[in-house]
């Protein structure tokens, strides 16, 4: 039983590491983003105002799918989803290194693509 649990843990860790690596390698051009994401980037560049109360909060990167950075490095912004009654699953995550780095997720943090600016 313990061996099986350890084996499952190893597989889980390996899959998590693979997901992190593929997220780091994936990218998307601004022109390939949905129009709502392009508008969210414009709002970020202008410094707001943002339509959602949680826009600009610290993104903790708990699943470690983005490169590891100190707490407070990443911030998240909602990308509206047409027809959704809530914030939906789409977000832009910004990193504060000069020049700023941006990531897009359309599956609520399961995967990320770096936005090529």
N, C-alpha and C. Protein backbone atom coordinates (compact mmCIF):
# COMPACT_ATOMS: atom_id res chain seq x y z
N UNK A 1 0.82 -1.19 0.00
CA UNK A 1 0.00 0.00 0.00
C UNK A 1 0.87 1.26 0.00
N UNK A 2 1.91 1.28 0.85
CA UNK A 2 2.79 2.43 0.91
C UNK A 2 3.55 2.60 -0.40
N UNK A 3 3.98 1.48 -0.99
CA UNK A 3 4.68 1.56 -2.26
C UNK A 3 3.81 2.17 -3.35
N UNK A 4 2.56 1.76 -3.36
CA UNK A 4 1.62 2.28 -4.37
C UNK A 4 1.42 3.79 -4.17
N UNK A 5 1.28 4.21 -2.92
CA UNK A 5 1.09 5.63 -2.63
C UNK A 5 2.32 6.42 -3.07
N UNK A 6 3.51 5.89 -2.80
CA UNK A 6 4.73 6.57 -3.22
C UNK A 6 4.83 6.64 -4.74
N UNK A 7 4.46 5.56 -5.41
CA UNK A 7 4.49 5.55 -6.87
C UNK A 7 3.53 6.59 -7.44
N UNK A 8 2.34 6.68 -6.87
CA UNK A 8 1.36 7.67 -7.33
C UNK A 8 1.87 9.09 -7.08
N UNK A 9 2.51 9.30 -5.95
CA UNK A 9 3.07 10.61 -5.65
C UNK A 9 4.15 10.98 -6.67
N UNK A 10 5.01 10.04 -7.00
CA UNK A 10 6.08 10.29 -7.98
C UNK A 10 5.50 10.64 -9.34
N UNK A 11 4.47 9.91 -9.76
CA UNK A 11 3.83 10.18 -11.04
C UNK A 11 3.20 11.57 -11.02
N UNK A 12 2.54 11.89 -9.92
CA UNK A 12 1.91 13.21 -9.79
C UNK A 12 2.94 14.33 -9.86
N UNK A 13 4.05 14.17 -9.17
CA UNK A 13 5.11 15.18 -9.21
C UNK A 13 5.71 15.32 -10.60
N UNK A 14 5.88 14.20 -11.28
CA UNK A 14 6.43 14.24 -12.63
C UNK A 14 5.48 14.96 -13.58
N UNK A 15 4.18 14.68 -13.48
CA UNK A 15 3.20 15.35 -14.33
C UNK A 15 3.15 16.84 -14.03
N UNK A 16 3.25 17.20 -12.76
CA UNK A 16 3.25 18.61 -12.37
C UNK A 16 4.47 19.33 -12.95
N UNK A 17 5.62 18.69 -12.87
CA UNK A 17 6.84 19.28 -13.43
C UNK A 17 6.72 19.43 -14.94
N UNK A 18 6.13 18.44 -15.61
CA UNK A 18 5.93 18.52 -17.05
C UNK A 18 5.01 19.67 -17.40
N UNK A 19 3.93 19.84 -16.63
CA UNK A 19 3.00 20.94 -16.87
C UNK A 19 3.70 22.28 -16.70
N UNK A 20 4.55 22.40 -15.67
CA UNK A 20 5.28 23.65 -15.46
C UNK A 20 6.21 23.94 -16.63
N UNK A 21 6.93 22.92 -17.08
CA UNK A 21 7.86 23.13 -18.18
C UNK A 21 7.13 23.51 -19.45
N UNK A 22 6.01 22.83 -19.76
CA UNK A 22 5.30 23.15 -21.00
C UNK A 22 4.70 24.54 -20.91
N UNK A 23 4.25 24.98 -19.73
CA UNK A 23 3.73 26.33 -19.58
C UNK A 23 4.81 27.35 -19.82
N UNK A 24 6.02 27.07 -19.37
CA UNK A 24 7.13 28.01 -19.54
C UNK A 24 7.53 28.14 -21.01
N UNK A 25 7.37 27.06 -21.76
CA UNK A 25 7.79 27.06 -23.15
C UNK A 25 6.72 27.60 -24.09
N UNK A 26 5.46 27.56 -23.69
CA UNK A 26 4.37 27.96 -24.56
C UNK A 26 4.29 29.48 -24.63
N UNK A 27 3.91 29.99 -25.79
CA UNK A 27 3.73 31.42 -25.93
C UNK A 27 2.57 31.69 -26.88
N UNK A 28 2.10 32.93 -26.85
CA UNK A 28 1.00 33.34 -27.71
C UNK A 28 1.24 34.79 -28.12
N UNK A 29 0.98 35.10 -29.38
CA UNK A 29 1.11 36.46 -29.87
C UNK A 29 -0.11 37.28 -29.42
N UNK A 30 0.09 38.56 -29.23
CA UNK A 30 -1.03 39.43 -28.84
C UNK A 30 -2.17 39.31 -29.84
N UNK A 31 -1.83 39.23 -31.11
CA UNK A 31 -2.88 39.16 -32.15
C UNK A 31 -3.69 37.87 -32.07
N UNK A 32 -3.15 36.84 -31.40
CA UNK A 32 -3.87 35.57 -31.25
C UNK A 32 -4.71 35.51 -29.98
N UNK A 33 -4.60 36.53 -29.13
CA UNK A 33 -5.41 36.58 -27.92
C UNK A 33 -6.84 36.97 -28.27
N UNK A 34 -7.81 36.56 -27.46
CA UNK A 34 -9.17 37.04 -27.69
C UNK A 34 -9.22 38.55 -27.48
N UNK A 35 -10.18 39.24 -28.10
CA UNK A 35 -10.23 40.71 -27.97
C UNK A 35 -10.34 41.18 -26.52
N UNK A 36 -11.00 40.41 -25.68
CA UNK A 36 -11.13 40.79 -24.27
C UNK A 36 -9.77 40.79 -23.56
N UNK A 37 -8.90 39.87 -23.94
CA UNK A 37 -7.55 39.81 -23.35
C UNK A 37 -6.72 41.00 -23.82
N UNK A 38 -6.86 41.37 -25.10
CA UNK A 38 -6.14 42.55 -25.60
C UNK A 38 -6.60 43.81 -24.87
N UNK A 39 -7.89 43.91 -24.58
CA UNK A 39 -8.41 45.05 -23.84
C UNK A 39 -7.88 45.04 -22.40
N UNK A 40 -7.80 43.87 -21.78
CA UNK A 40 -7.25 43.77 -20.43
C UNK A 40 -5.79 44.23 -20.41
N UNK A 41 -5.01 43.85 -21.42
CA UNK A 41 -3.62 44.33 -21.51
C UNK A 41 -3.57 45.84 -21.62
N UNK A 42 -4.47 46.44 -22.40
CA UNK A 42 -4.51 47.90 -22.51
C UNK A 42 -4.80 48.53 -21.15
N UNK A 43 -5.74 47.93 -20.40
CA UNK A 43 -6.05 48.45 -19.06
C UNK A 43 -4.84 48.36 -18.13
N UNK A 44 -4.12 47.24 -18.21
CA UNK A 44 -2.92 47.07 -17.38
C UNK A 44 -1.89 48.14 -17.74
N UNK A 45 -1.69 48.35 -19.04
CA UNK A 45 -0.71 49.36 -19.49
C UNK A 45 -1.09 50.76 -18.99
N UNK A 46 -2.40 51.04 -18.92
CA UNK A 46 -2.87 52.36 -18.46
C UNK A 46 -2.95 52.46 -16.95
N UNK A 47 -2.86 51.31 -16.27
CA UNK A 47 -2.99 51.33 -14.81
C UNK A 47 -4.43 51.36 -14.32
N UNK A 48 -5.36 50.90 -15.16
CA UNK A 48 -6.77 50.83 -14.78
C UNK A 48 -7.56 51.95 -15.41
N UNK A 49 -8.79 52.14 -14.97
CA UNK A 49 -9.50 51.41 -13.91
C UNK A 49 -9.92 50.02 -14.39
N UNK A 50 -9.99 49.10 -13.45
CA UNK A 50 -10.31 47.71 -13.75
C UNK A 50 -11.77 47.40 -13.40
N UNK A 51 -12.40 46.56 -14.19
CA UNK A 51 -13.83 46.28 -13.97
C UNK A 51 -14.11 45.32 -12.82
N UNK A 52 -13.11 44.59 -12.34
CA UNK A 52 -13.33 43.60 -11.29
C UNK A 52 -12.54 43.97 -10.04
N UNK A 53 -13.17 43.78 -8.91
CA UNK A 53 -12.58 44.13 -7.62
C UNK A 53 -11.24 43.42 -7.38
N UNK A 54 -11.09 42.20 -7.87
CA UNK A 54 -9.88 41.42 -7.60
C UNK A 54 -8.76 41.67 -8.62
N UNK A 55 -9.01 42.48 -9.61
CA UNK A 55 -7.97 42.77 -10.59
C UNK A 55 -6.80 43.48 -9.91
N UNK A 56 -5.59 42.97 -10.17
CA UNK A 56 -4.38 43.55 -9.61
C UNK A 56 -3.92 42.90 -8.31
N UNK A 57 -4.70 41.93 -7.80
CA UNK A 57 -4.28 41.27 -6.56
C UNK A 57 -3.07 40.38 -6.83
N UNK A 58 -2.35 40.05 -5.79
CA UNK A 58 -1.18 39.18 -5.90
C UNK A 58 -1.60 37.78 -6.32
N UNK A 59 -0.93 37.26 -7.33
CA UNK A 59 -1.11 35.87 -7.76
C UNK A 59 -0.01 35.07 -7.09
N UNK A 60 -0.39 34.08 -6.31
CA UNK A 60 0.58 33.37 -5.47
C UNK A 60 1.33 32.25 -6.17
N UNK A 61 0.89 31.83 -7.35
CA UNK A 61 1.59 30.77 -8.09
C UNK A 61 1.73 29.50 -7.24
N UNK A 62 0.69 29.16 -6.50
CA UNK A 62 0.74 28.02 -5.58
C UNK A 62 1.04 26.70 -6.29
N UNK A 63 0.52 26.54 -7.51
CA UNK A 63 0.77 25.29 -8.25
C UNK A 63 2.14 25.29 -8.91
N UNK A 64 2.82 26.41 -8.85
CA UNK A 64 4.17 26.58 -9.40
C UNK A 64 4.23 26.27 -10.89
N UNK A 65 3.23 26.72 -11.61
CA UNK A 65 3.20 26.52 -13.06
C UNK A 65 3.90 27.65 -13.81
N UNK A 66 4.21 28.71 -13.09
CA UNK A 66 5.02 29.80 -13.64
C UNK A 66 6.39 29.75 -12.97
N UNK A 67 7.38 30.41 -13.56
CA UNK A 67 8.69 30.41 -12.91
C UNK A 67 8.59 30.90 -11.47
N UNK A 68 9.35 30.27 -10.59
CA UNK A 68 9.31 30.63 -9.17
C UNK A 68 9.91 32.01 -8.94
N UNK A 69 9.15 32.85 -8.27
CA UNK A 69 9.57 34.22 -7.95
C UNK A 69 9.10 34.53 -6.54
N UNK A 70 9.64 35.58 -5.91
CA UNK A 70 9.20 35.94 -4.56
C UNK A 70 7.72 36.34 -4.55
N UNK A 71 7.09 36.14 -3.40
CA UNK A 71 5.69 36.52 -3.24
C UNK A 71 5.53 38.01 -3.56
N UNK A 72 4.49 38.32 -4.31
CA UNK A 72 4.25 39.70 -4.71
C UNK A 72 4.75 40.03 -6.10
N UNK A 73 5.50 39.13 -6.69
CA UNK A 73 6.04 39.35 -8.04
C UNK A 73 4.93 39.32 -9.09
N UNK A 74 4.00 38.37 -8.95
CA UNK A 74 2.93 38.19 -9.94
C UNK A 74 1.64 38.85 -9.46
N UNK A 75 0.88 39.40 -10.43
CA UNK A 75 -0.45 39.96 -10.17
C UNK A 75 -1.40 39.43 -11.23
N UNK A 76 -2.67 39.28 -10.85
CA UNK A 76 -3.63 38.70 -11.79
C UNK A 76 -4.71 39.70 -12.16
N UNK A 77 -5.20 39.54 -13.40
CA UNK A 77 -6.23 40.40 -13.96
C UNK A 77 -7.24 39.53 -14.70
N UNK A 78 -8.50 39.85 -14.54
CA UNK A 78 -9.57 39.10 -15.18
C UNK A 78 -9.67 39.45 -16.65
N UNK A 79 -9.82 38.42 -17.47
CA UNK A 79 -10.17 38.60 -18.88
C UNK A 79 -11.64 38.18 -18.98
N UNK A 80 -12.54 39.14 -19.23
CA UNK A 80 -13.97 38.79 -19.27
C UNK A 80 -14.27 37.68 -20.28
N UNK A 81 -15.20 36.83 -19.91
CA UNK A 81 -15.66 35.75 -20.78
C UNK A 81 -17.09 36.08 -21.19
N UNK A 82 -17.32 36.35 -22.47
CA UNK A 82 -18.67 36.67 -22.91
C UNK A 82 -19.67 35.58 -22.50
N UNK A 83 -20.80 36.01 -21.94
CA UNK A 83 -21.84 35.08 -21.54
C UNK A 83 -21.66 34.49 -20.16
N UNK A 84 -20.51 34.72 -19.51
CA UNK A 84 -20.27 34.17 -18.18
C UNK A 84 -20.92 35.07 -17.13
N UNK A 85 -21.51 34.45 -16.12
CA UNK A 85 -22.15 35.22 -15.05
C UNK A 85 -21.16 35.65 -13.97
N UNK A 86 -19.97 35.04 -13.99
CA UNK A 86 -18.96 35.40 -12.99
C UNK A 86 -17.69 35.83 -13.72
N UNK A 87 -16.58 35.81 -13.05
CA UNK A 87 -15.31 36.24 -13.66
C UNK A 87 -14.82 35.28 -14.73
N UNK A 88 -15.35 34.08 -14.77
CA UNK A 88 -14.90 33.13 -15.77
C UNK A 88 -13.52 32.57 -15.45
N UNK A 89 -12.93 31.87 -16.41
CA UNK A 89 -11.67 31.16 -16.18
C UNK A 89 -10.46 31.86 -16.78
N UNK A 90 -10.67 32.93 -17.51
CA UNK A 90 -9.56 33.55 -18.24
C UNK A 90 -8.90 34.65 -17.40
N UNK A 91 -7.56 34.64 -17.41
CA UNK A 91 -6.80 35.63 -16.65
C UNK A 91 -5.52 36.01 -17.41
N UNK A 92 -5.04 37.18 -17.10
CA UNK A 92 -3.68 37.58 -17.47
C UNK A 92 -2.92 37.75 -16.17
N UNK A 93 -1.74 37.15 -16.12
CA UNK A 93 -0.85 37.26 -14.97
C UNK A 93 0.34 38.11 -15.40
N UNK A 94 0.64 39.12 -14.62
CA UNK A 94 1.80 39.97 -14.94
C UNK A 94 2.91 39.69 -13.95
N UNK A 95 4.12 39.75 -14.46
CA UNK A 95 5.31 39.65 -13.63
C UNK A 95 6.06 40.96 -13.71
N UNK A 96 6.62 41.39 -12.62
CA UNK A 96 7.15 42.75 -12.54
C UNK A 96 8.63 42.91 -12.87
N UNK A 97 9.19 42.02 -13.63
CA UNK A 97 10.60 42.23 -13.98
C UNK A 97 10.66 43.19 -15.17
N UNK A 98 11.62 44.10 -15.21
CA UNK A 98 11.75 44.95 -16.40
C UNK A 98 12.44 44.18 -17.51
N UNK A 99 11.90 44.13 -18.72
CA UNK A 99 10.55 44.55 -19.05
C UNK A 99 9.53 43.57 -18.47
N UNK A 100 8.33 44.06 -18.22
CA UNK A 100 7.28 43.23 -17.61
C UNK A 100 6.99 42.02 -18.50
N UNK A 101 6.65 40.93 -17.85
CA UNK A 101 6.30 39.70 -18.55
C UNK A 101 4.83 39.41 -18.26
N UNK A 102 4.12 38.88 -19.25
CA UNK A 102 2.70 38.60 -19.11
C UNK A 102 2.39 37.18 -19.56
N UNK A 103 1.47 36.54 -18.85
CA UNK A 103 1.02 35.19 -19.17
C UNK A 103 -0.49 35.19 -19.31
N UNK A 104 -1.00 34.34 -20.20
CA UNK A 104 -2.43 34.20 -20.41
C UNK A 104 -2.85 32.78 -20.06
N UNK A 105 -3.97 32.66 -19.35
CA UNK A 105 -4.57 31.35 -19.08
C UNK A 105 -6.04 31.44 -19.42
N UNK A 106 -6.55 30.42 -20.08
CA UNK A 106 -7.98 30.37 -20.37
C UNK A 106 -8.64 29.19 -19.66
N UNK A 107 -7.88 28.53 -18.78
CA UNK A 107 -8.40 27.35 -18.08
C UNK A 107 -8.19 27.46 -16.56
N UNK A 108 -8.30 28.67 -16.05
CA UNK A 108 -8.21 28.95 -14.61
C UNK A 108 -6.95 28.36 -13.98
N UNK A 109 -5.80 28.77 -14.51
CA UNK A 109 -4.48 28.50 -13.96
C UNK A 109 -3.94 27.08 -14.19
N UNK A 110 -4.62 26.27 -14.98
CA UNK A 110 -4.08 24.92 -15.25
C UNK A 110 -2.91 24.99 -16.23
N UNK A 111 -2.96 25.95 -17.15
CA UNK A 111 -1.86 26.12 -18.09
C UNK A 111 -1.71 27.61 -18.39
N UNK A 112 -0.52 27.98 -18.81
CA UNK A 112 -0.21 29.37 -19.12
C UNK A 112 0.56 29.44 -20.42
N UNK A 113 0.35 30.54 -21.14
CA UNK A 113 1.15 30.84 -22.32
C UNK A 113 1.71 32.25 -22.14
N UNK A 114 3.00 32.38 -22.36
CA UNK A 114 3.63 33.70 -22.25
C UNK A 114 3.19 34.55 -23.43
N UNK A 115 2.79 35.77 -23.14
CA UNK A 115 2.32 36.69 -24.19
C UNK A 115 3.54 37.36 -24.81
N UNK A 116 3.68 37.20 -26.12
CA UNK A 116 4.78 37.84 -26.85
C UNK A 116 4.37 39.27 -27.17
N UNK A 117 5.11 40.22 -26.61
CA UNK A 117 4.79 41.65 -26.84
C UNK A 117 5.86 42.29 -27.66
